[in-house]
Amino acid sequence: MKNELVSLNRIALVIMAVVTTLILSPILRAAPTRFSCATPVIEQYGIGHSPSGNTPLRWRAFVPRDSEKHPAIIVIHGGGFHSGDFTDLETDQDLVCAGFCVFDIEYRLAPPGKLPGQRRDLGRYPEQTDDVATAILAARSPGPGSVAFGRVNGKVGAVGGSAGATHAAYCAAAPTLGGDQFDAAVLLSGAYDFHDPASLIDTRCLPFGADVRNYVGCSPGPACDGNGGSPRSGFAV
């Protein structure tokens, strides 16, 4: 059953990537043989800044084996805002085979999760979306030290699931660091309204409410769960 679910998730990601392709780039050449389209390279794409210390941020980059420029796709993993790392390689390869430069990113994690080098940084809102925004700027025009230097056409989209979908929606709907945002985003089962008290206290999905509160750093109650929201939980997409 687990393998079937993984396969269905990969198929959904590929279908959604095709939709994104139509938005980002009207012409893409035929993809080469599946799962052999690029060799991943792990690079540092930026730094997460915090009073608790700076965190190096990495991505796993895939560039098609040609000499052309392509739209970029940032892949954002899920994990309840507190866990997870790079998405599975097959998803990344599906996307690069479809004609994208792919950047599968890490971002800071809320407690108890930590990236290598995160140290005392709690990784709570808005740091995670700040990291995604840093990745957008880096993917828009990769630097000379990147395997993707000169290979991106300036368009940047996203594929995100769960917490990754939340971050993709946030960074598609509103300009963040540097005034940039995604050109398009594919969202799979994300959390989009942190002002909805009914969702946060619903006994059928208590882990959801706990993950949201942990991410924004507040305890159950009107200041955290009410429609007014707290300054730290005040976003709805």
C-alpha atoms as a PDB file:
ATOM      1  CA  MET A   1       0.000   0.000   0.000  1.00  0.00           C
ATOM      2  CA  LYS A   2       2.813   2.431   0.867  1.00  0.00           C
ATOM      3  CA  ASN A   3       4.482   1.877  -2.509  1.00  0.00           C
ATOM      4  CA  GLU A   4       1.158   2.399  -4.271  1.00  0.00           C
ATOM      5  CA  LEU A   5       0.623   5.688  -2.453  1.00  0.00           C
ATOM      6  CA  VAL A   6       4.145   6.848  -3.347  1.00  0.00           C
ATOM      7  CA  SER A   7       3.499   5.988  -6.999  1.00  0.00           C
ATOM      8  CA  LEU A   8       0.161   7.829  -7.013  1.00  0.00           C
ATOM      9  CA  ASN A   9       1.788  10.859  -5.410  1.00  0.00           C
ATOM     10  CA  ARG A  10       4.530  10.874  -8.050  1.00  0.00           C
ATOM     11  CA  ILE A  11       1.959  10.602 -10.840  1.00  0.00           C
ATOM     12  CA  ALA A  12       0.008  13.513  -9.369  1.00  0.00           C
ATOM     13  CA  LEU A  13       3.167  15.597  -9.153  1.00  0.00           C
ATOM     14  CA  VAL A  14       4.015  14.915 -12.783  1.00  0.00           C
ATOM     15  CA  ILE A  15       0.480  15.753 -13.962  1.00  0.00           C
ATOM     16  CA  MET A  16       0.556  18.998 -12.029  1.00  0.00           C
ATOM     17  CA  ALA A  17       4.005  19.766 -13.393  1.00  0.00           C
ATOM     18  CA  VAL A  18       2.571  19.580 -16.901  1.00  0.00           C
ATOM     19  CA  VAL A  19      -0.075  22.140 -15.952  1.00  0.00           C
ATOM     20  CA  THR A  20       2.638  24.380 -14.555  1.00  0.00           C
ATOM     21  CA  THR A  21       4.632  23.937 -17.749  1.00  0.00           C
ATOM     22  CA  LEU A  22       1.778  25.392 -19.766  1.00  0.00           C
ATOM     23  CA  ILE A  23       1.840  28.465 -17.562  1.00  0.00           C
ATOM     24  CA  LEU A  24       5.593  28.934 -17.316  1.00  0.00           C
ATOM     25  CA  SER A  25       6.852  28.070 -20.764  1.00  0.00           C
ATOM     26  CA  PRO A  26       4.926  27.610 -24.012  1.00  0.00           C
ATOM     27  CA  ILE A  27       7.626  25.454 -25.630  1.00  0.00           C
ATOM     28  CA  LEU A  28       9.587  22.597 -24.076  1.00  0.00           C
ATOM     29  CA  ARG A  29      11.523  20.021 -26.027  1.00  0.00           C
ATOM     30  CA  ALA A  30      10.820  16.322 -25.707  1.00  0.00           C
ATOM     31  CA  ALA A  31      12.180  14.769 -22.532  1.00  0.00           C
ATOM     32  CA  PRO A  32      15.037  12.245 -22.661  1.00  0.00           C
ATOM     33  CA  THR A  33      14.916   8.786 -21.118  1.00  0.00           C
ATOM     34  CA  ARG A  34      13.121   8.764 -17.777  1.00  0.00           C
ATOM     35  CA  PHE A  35      15.123   8.867 -14.553  1.00  0.00           C
ATOM     36  CA  SER A  36      18.421   9.559 -16.328  1.00  0.00           C
ATOM     37  CA  CYS A  37      17.880  13.187 -17.234  1.00  0.00           C
ATOM     38  CA  ALA A  38      20.257  14.853 -14.774  1.00  0.00           C
ATOM     39  CA  THR A  39      22.780  14.169 -12.043  1.00  0.00           C
ATOM     40  CA  PRO A  40      21.869  15.950  -8.785  1.00  0.00           C
ATOM     41  CA  VAL A  41      24.303  18.413  -7.277  1.00  0.00           C
ATOM     42  CA  ILE A  42      23.899  19.605  -3.685  1.00  0.00           C
ATOM     43  CA  GLU A  43      24.695  23.317  -3.335  1.00  0.00           C
ATOM     44  CA  GLN A  44      24.222  26.062  -0.782  1.00  0.00           C
ATOM     45  CA  TYR A  45      21.626  28.464  -2.140  1.00  0.00           C
ATOM     46  CA  GLY A  46      21.596  30.956   0.707  1.00  0.00           C
ATOM     47  CA  ILE A  47      21.705  31.678   4.432  1.00  0.00           C
ATOM     48  CA  GLY A  48      18.834  31.778   6.900  1.00  0.00           C
ATOM     49  CA  HIS A  49      19.426  34.753   9.149  1.00  0.00           C
ATOM     50  CA  SER A  50      18.344  34.766  12.802  1.00  0.00           C
ATOM     51  CA  PRO A  51      19.366  36.395  16.098  1.00  0.00           C
ATOM     52  CA  SER A  52      20.042  32.822  17.250  1.00  0.00           C
ATOM     53  CA  GLY A  53      22.611  32.318  14.507  1.00  0.00           C
ATOM     54  CA  ASN A  54      22.743  31.911  10.753  1.00  0.00           C
ATOM     55  CA  THR A  55      21.792  28.630   9.050  1.00  0.00           C
ATOM     56  CA  PRO A  56      23.291  27.445   5.733  1.00  0.00           C
ATOM     57  CA  LEU A  57      20.507  26.529   3.288  1.00  0.00           C
ATOM     58  CA  ARG A  58      21.032  23.856   0.645  1.00  0.00           C
ATOM     59  CA  TRP A  59      19.229  22.613  -2.408  1.00  0.00           C
ATOM     60  CA  ARG A  60      19.604  19.579  -4.630  1.00  0.00           C
ATOM     61  CA  ALA A  61      19.902  20.955  -8.176  1.00  0.00           C
ATOM     62  CA  PHE A  62      19.062  19.119 -11.408  1.00  0.00           C
ATOM     63  CA  VAL A  63      19.777  20.662 -14.811  1.00  0.00           C
ATOM     64  CA  PRO A  64      18.712  19.086 -18.132  1.00  0.00           C
ATOM     65  CA  ARG A  65      21.527  17.668 -20.247  1.00  0.00           C
ATOM     66  CA  ASP A  66      21.371  20.229 -23.028  1.00  0.00           C
ATOM     67  CA  SER A  67      22.614  23.758 -23.604  1.00  0.00           C
ATOM     68  CA  GLU A  68      19.263  25.554 -23.422  1.00  0.00           C
ATOM     69  CA  LYS A  69      17.603  27.692 -20.773  1.00  0.00           C
ATOM     70  CA  HIS A  70      14.598  26.304 -18.920  1.00  0.00           C
ATOM     71  CA  PRO A  71      12.022  27.475 -16.370  1.00  0.00           C
ATOM     72  CA  ALA A  72      12.925  26.574 -12.787  1.00  0.00           C
ATOM     73  CA  ILE A  73      10.835  24.509 -10.395  1.00  0.00           C
ATOM     74  CA  ILE A  74      11.453  24.664  -6.653  1.00  0.00           C
ATOM     75  CA  VAL A  75      10.353  21.457  -4.911  1.00  0.00           C
ATOM     76  CA  ILE A  76       9.299  22.026  -1.280  1.00  0.00           C
ATOM     77  CA  HIS A  77       8.971  19.036   1.034  1.00  0.00           C
ATOM     78  CA  GLY A  78       6.289  18.537   3.684  1.00  0.00           C
ATOM     79  CA  GLY A  79       6.649  17.374   7.273  1.00  0.00           C
ATOM     80  CA  GLY A  80       4.305  19.359   9.523  1.00  0.00           C
ATOM     81  CA  PHE A  81       6.713  22.336   9.511  1.00  0.00           C
ATOM     82  CA  HIS A  82       9.000  20.441  11.916  1.00  0.00           C
ATOM     83  CA  SER A  83      10.491  17.552   9.915  1.00  0.00           C
ATOM     84  CA  GLY A  84      11.440  16.379   6.425  1.00  0.00           C
ATOM     85  CA  ASP A  85      14.274  16.895   3.997  1.00  0.00           C
ATOM     86  CA  PHE A  86      14.779  16.586   0.253  1.00  0.00           C
ATOM     87  CA  THR A  87      11.878  15.044  -1.694  1.00  0.00           C
ATOM     88  CA  ASP A  88      12.409  11.611  -3.305  1.00  0.00           C
ATOM     89  CA  LEU A  89      14.767  11.534  -6.262  1.00  0.00           C
ATOM     90  CA  GLU A  90      12.200  10.082  -8.656  1.00  0.00           C
ATOM     91  CA  THR A  91       9.926  13.109  -8.311  1.00  0.00           C
ATOM     92  CA  ASP A  92      12.847  15.438  -9.003  1.00  0.00           C
ATOM     93  CA  GLN A  93      13.869  13.361 -12.005  1.00  0.00           C
ATOM     94  CA  ASP A  94      10.313  13.362 -13.368  1.00  0.00           C
ATOM     95  CA  LEU A  95      10.332  17.143 -13.297  1.00  0.00           C
ATOM     96  CA  VAL A  96      13.755  17.586 -14.880  1.00  0.00           C
ATOM     97  CA  CYS A  97      12.777  15.077 -17.573  1.00  0.00           C
ATOM     98  CA  ALA A  98       9.729  17.276 -18.257  1.00  0.00           C
ATOM     99  CA  GLY A  99      12.108  20.117 -19.103  1.00  0.00           C
ATOM    100  CA  PHE A 100      12.652  22.068 -15.899  1.00  0.00           C
ATOM    101  CA  CYS A 101      15.708  23.080 -13.931  1.00  0.00           C
ATOM    102  CA  VAL A 102      14.780  21.575 -10.560  1.00  0.00           C
ATOM    103  CA  PHE A 103      15.808  22.850  -7.144  1.00  0.00           C
ATOM    104  CA  ASP A 104      14.727  20.569  -4.293  1.00  0.00           C
ATOM    105  CA  ILE A 105      15.245  22.721  -1.207  1.00  0.00           C
ATOM    106  CA  GLU A 106      15.878  22.441   2.497  1.00  0.00           C
ATOM    107  CA  TYR A 107      14.445  25.076   4.840  1.00  0.00           C
ATOM    108  CA  ARG A 108      14.672  25.703   8.571  1.00  0.00           C
ATOM    109  CA  LEU A 109      12.440  23.501  10.729  1.00  0.00           C
ATOM    110  CA  ALA A 110      10.298  24.272  13.760  1.00  0.00           C
ATOM    111  CA  PRO A 111      10.973  22.347  17.003  1.00  0.00           C
ATOM    112  CA  PRO A 112      11.976  19.592  17.403  1.00  0.00           C
ATOM    113  CA  GLY A 113      13.452  19.435  13.901  1.00  0.00           C
ATOM    114  CA  LYS A 114      16.735  21.021  12.900  1.00  0.00           C
ATOM    115  CA  LEU A 115      18.754  21.343   9.741  1.00  0.00           C
ATOM    116  CA  PRO A 116      22.499  20.762   9.936  1.00  0.00           C
ATOM    117  CA  GLY A 117      23.869  24.033  11.263  1.00  0.00           C
ATOM    118  CA  GLN A 118      20.522  25.346  12.531  1.00  0.00           C
ATOM    119  CA  ARG A 119      21.658  25.163  16.165  1.00  0.00           C
ATOM    120  CA  ARG A 120      19.463  27.312  18.491  1.00  0.00           C
ATOM    121  CA  ASP A 121      17.281  28.836  15.766  1.00  0.00           C
ATOM    122  CA  LEU A 122      13.647  27.776  16.350  1.00  0.00           C
ATOM    123  CA  GLY A 123      12.736  27.926  12.658  1.00  0.00           C
ATOM    124  CA  ARG A 124       9.256  29.327  13.234  1.00  0.00           C
ATOM    125  CA  TYR A 125       7.158  31.668  11.063  1.00  0.00           C
ATOM    126  CA  PRO A 126       8.228  33.623   9.066  1.00  0.00           C
ATOM    127  CA  GLU A 127      11.665  32.027   8.818  1.00  0.00           C
ATOM    128  CA  GLN A 128      10.565  29.055   6.716  1.00  0.00           C
ATOM    129  CA  THR A 129       8.832  31.218   4.118  1.00  0.00           C
ATOM    130  CA  ASP A 130      11.842  33.546   4.198  1.00  0.00           C
ATOM    131  CA  ASP A 131      13.980  30.548   3.226  1.00  0.00           C
ATOM    132  CA  VAL A 132      11.662  29.710   0.332  1.00  0.00           C
ATOM    133  CA  ALA A 133      11.835  33.354  -0.772  1.00  0.00           C
ATOM    134  CA  THR A 134      15.635  33.139  -0.653  1.00  0.00           C
ATOM    135  CA  ALA A 135      15.422  30.080  -2.903  1.00  0.00           C
ATOM    136  CA  ILE A 136      13.205  31.971  -5.382  1.00  0.00           C
ATOM    137  CA  LEU A 137      15.789  34.731  -5.700  1.00  0.00           C
ATOM    138  CA  ALA A 138      18.593  32.186  -6.090  1.00  0.00           C
ATOM    139  CA  ALA A 139      16.702  30.128  -8.691  1.00  0.00           C
ATOM    140  CA  ARG A 140      15.646  33.197 -10.668  1.00  0.00           C
ATOM    141  CA  SER A 141      19.287  33.808 -11.545  1.00  0.00           C
ATOM    142  CA  PRO A 142      21.682  31.154 -10.179  1.00  0.00           C
ATOM    143  CA  GLY A 143      25.160  32.449  -9.404  1.00  0.00           C
ATOM    144  CA  PRO A 144      28.377  31.551 -11.241  1.00  0.00           C
ATOM    145  CA  GLY A 145      29.184  28.823  -8.715  1.00  0.00           C
ATOM    146  CA  SER A 146      25.948  26.919  -9.389  1.00  0.00           C
ATOM    147  CA  VAL A 147      25.514  24.041 -11.814  1.00  0.00           C
ATOM    148  CA  ALA A 148      22.465  25.979 -13.045  1.00  0.00           C
ATOM    149  CA  PHE A 149      24.356  29.180 -13.858  1.00  0.00           C
ATOM    150  CA  GLY A 150      23.076  30.550 -17.168  1.00  0.00           C
ATOM    151  CA  ARG A 151      20.527  27.718 -17.504  1.00  0.00           C
ATOM    152  CA  VAL A 152      17.344  29.321 -16.089  1.00  0.00           C
ATOM    153  CA  ASN A 153      15.101  31.498 -18.252  1.00  0.00           C
ATOM    154  CA  GLY A 154      13.949  33.701 -15.363  1.00  0.00           C
ATOM    155  CA  LYS A 155      10.660  31.901 -14.629  1.00  0.00           C
ATOM    156  CA  VAL A 156      10.324  30.152 -11.248  1.00  0.00           C
ATOM    157  CA  GLY A 157       7.459  27.912 -10.166  1.00  0.00           C
ATOM    158  CA  ALA A 158       6.930  25.559  -7.238  1.00  0.00           C
ATOM    159  CA  VAL A 159       5.642  22.089  -6.420  1.00  0.00           C
ATOM    160  CA  GLY A 160       4.863  21.608  -2.737  1.00  0.00           C
ATOM    161  CA  GLY A 161       3.025  19.085  -0.588  1.00  0.00           C
ATOM    162  CA  SER A 162       1.559  19.543   2.903  1.00  0.00           C
ATOM    163  CA  ALA A 163       3.710  22.147   4.693  1.00  0.00           C
ATOM    164  CA  GLY A 164       5.547  22.617   1.401  1.00  0.00           C
ATOM    165  CA  ALA A 165       2.251  23.541  -0.259  1.00  0.00           C
ATOM    166  CA  THR A 166       1.629  26.111   2.475  1.00  0.00           C
ATOM    167  CA  HIS A 167       4.975  27.748   1.788  1.00  0.00           C
ATOM    168  CA  ALA A 168       4.428  27.609  -1.983  1.00  0.00           C
ATOM    169  CA  ALA A 169       1.016  29.276  -1.650  1.00  0.00           C
ATOM    170  CA  TYR A 170       2.352  31.971   0.654  1.00  0.00           C
ATOM    171  CA  CYS A 171       5.230  32.805  -1.664  1.00  0.00           C
ATOM    172  CA  ALA A 172       3.003  32.745  -4.748  1.00  0.00           C
ATOM    173  CA  ALA A 173       0.360  35.024  -3.232  1.00  0.00           C
ATOM    174  CA  ALA A 174       2.558  37.687  -1.651  1.00  0.00           C
ATOM    175  CA  PRO A 175       5.942  39.253  -2.447  1.00  0.00           C
ATOM    176  CA  THR A 176       8.478  38.421   0.251  1.00  0.00           C
ATOM    177  CA  LEU A 177      12.230  39.003   0.445  1.00  0.00           C
ATOM    178  CA  GLY A 178      13.324  41.351  -2.310  1.00  0.00           C
ATOM    179  CA  GLY A 179       9.730  41.753  -3.514  1.00  0.00           C
ATOM    180  CA  ASP A 180       9.835  38.483  -5.477  1.00  0.00           C
ATOM    181  CA  GLN A 181       7.276  35.670  -5.671  1.00  0.00           C
ATOM    182  CA  PHE A 182       6.551  32.469  -7.603  1.00  0.00           C
ATOM    183  CA  ASP A 183       5.243  32.771 -11.144  1.00  0.00           C
ATOM    184  CA  ALA A 184       3.094  29.668 -10.582  1.00  0.00           C
ATOM    185  CA  ALA A 185       2.669  26.999  -7.915  1.00  0.00           C
ATOM    186  CA  VAL A 186       1.234  23.481  -7.674  1.00  0.00           C
ATOM    187  CA  LEU A 187      -0.187  22.810  -4.206  1.00  0.00           C
ATOM    188  CA  LEU A 188      -0.909  19.379  -2.733  1.00  0.00           C
ATOM    189  CA  SER A 189      -2.823  19.173   0.596  1.00  0.00           C
ATOM    190  CA  GLY A 190      -1.454  22.308   2.221  1.00  0.00           C
ATOM    191  CA  ALA A 191      -2.649  24.353   5.209  1.00  0.00           C
ATOM    192  CA  TYR A 192      -3.800  27.731   3.926  1.00  0.00           C
ATOM    193  CA  ASP A 193      -5.862  29.465   6.646  1.00  0.00           C
ATOM    194  CA  PHE A 194      -4.380  29.766  10.128  1.00  0.00           C
ATOM    195  CA  HIS A 195      -7.301  31.940  11.274  1.00  0.00           C
ATOM    196  CA  ASP A 196      -9.896  29.159  11.229  1.00  0.00           C
ATOM    197  CA  PRO A 197     -10.525  28.064  14.839  1.00  0.00           C
ATOM    198  CA  ALA A 198     -12.851  25.245  13.756  1.00  0.00           C
ATOM    199  CA  SER A 199     -10.056  23.558  11.823  1.00  0.00           C
ATOM    200  CA  LEU A 200      -7.487  24.036  14.576  1.00  0.00           C
ATOM    201  CA  ILE A 201      -9.656  22.421  17.277  1.00  0.00           C
ATOM    202  CA  ASP A 202     -11.368  19.767  15.135  1.00  0.00           C
ATOM    203  CA  THR A 203     -10.948  16.488  17.050  1.00  0.00           C
ATOM    204  CA  ARG A 204     -10.610  14.595  13.766  1.00  0.00           C
ATOM    205  CA  CYS A 205      -7.359  16.362  12.950  1.00  0.00           C
ATOM    206  CA  LEU A 206      -5.736  17.372  16.228  1.00  0.00           C
ATOM    207  CA  PRO A 207      -2.197  16.848  14.844  1.00  0.00           C
ATOM    208  CA  PHE A 208      -2.945  19.552  12.262  1.00  0.00           C
ATOM    209  CA  GLY A 209      -3.782  22.107  14.945  1.00  0.00           C
ATOM    210  CA  ALA A 210      -0.740  21.097  16.968  1.00  0.00           C
ATOM    211  CA  ASP A 211       1.560  21.420  13.963  1.00  0.00           C
ATOM    212  CA  VAL A 212       0.203  24.868  13.083  1.00  0.00           C
ATOM    213  CA  ARG A 213       0.540  26.165  16.656  1.00  0.00           C
ATOM    214  CA  ASN A 214       4.040  24.751  16.913  1.00  0.00           C
ATOM    215  CA  TYR A 215       4.976  26.442  13.639  1.00  0.00           C
ATOM    216  CA  VAL A 216       3.697  29.876  14.623  1.00  0.00           C
ATOM    217  CA  GLY A 217       4.802  29.511  18.256  1.00  0.00           C
ATOM    218  CA  CYS A 218       1.620  29.939  20.287  1.00  0.00           C
ATOM    219  CA  SER A 219      -0.622  27.973  22.648  1.00  0.00           C
ATOM    220  CA  PRO A 220      -4.296  27.031  22.114  1.00  0.00           C
ATOM    221  CA  GLY A 221      -6.680  29.877  22.907  1.00  0.00           C
ATOM    222  CA  PRO A 222      -8.423  32.908  21.376  1.00  0.00           C
ATOM    223  CA  ALA A 223      -5.161  34.765  20.762  1.00  0.00           C
ATOM    224  CA  CYS A 224      -3.828  31.856  18.700  1.00  0.00           C
ATOM    225  CA  ASP A 225      -6.906  30.163  17.239  1.00  0.00           C
ATOM    226  CA  GLY A 226      -9.397  33.002  16.888  1.00  0.00           C
ATOM    227  CA  ASN A 227     -10.332  34.776  13.684  1.00  0.00           C
ATOM    228  CA  GLY A 228      -8.376  37.801  14.861  1.00  0.00           C
ATOM    229  CA  GLY A 229      -5.244  35.708  15.100  1.00  0.00           C
ATOM    230  CA  SER A 230      -2.017  36.650  16.718  1.00  0.00           C
ATOM    231  CA  PRO A 231       0.682  38.578  14.873  1.00  0.00           C
ATOM    232  CA  ARG A 232       2.601  35.348  14.446  1.00  0.00           C
ATOM    233  CA  SER A 233      -0.324  33.353  13.054  1.00  0.00           C
ATOM    234  CA  GLY A 234      -1.847  36.130  11.008  1.00  0.00           C
ATOM    235  CA  PHE A 235      -1.851  34.802   7.479  1.00  0.00           C
ATOM    236  CA  ALA A 236      -4.487  33.241   5.277  1.00  0.00           C
ATOM    237  CA  VAL A 237      -4.085  32.361   1.639  1.00  0.00           C
END
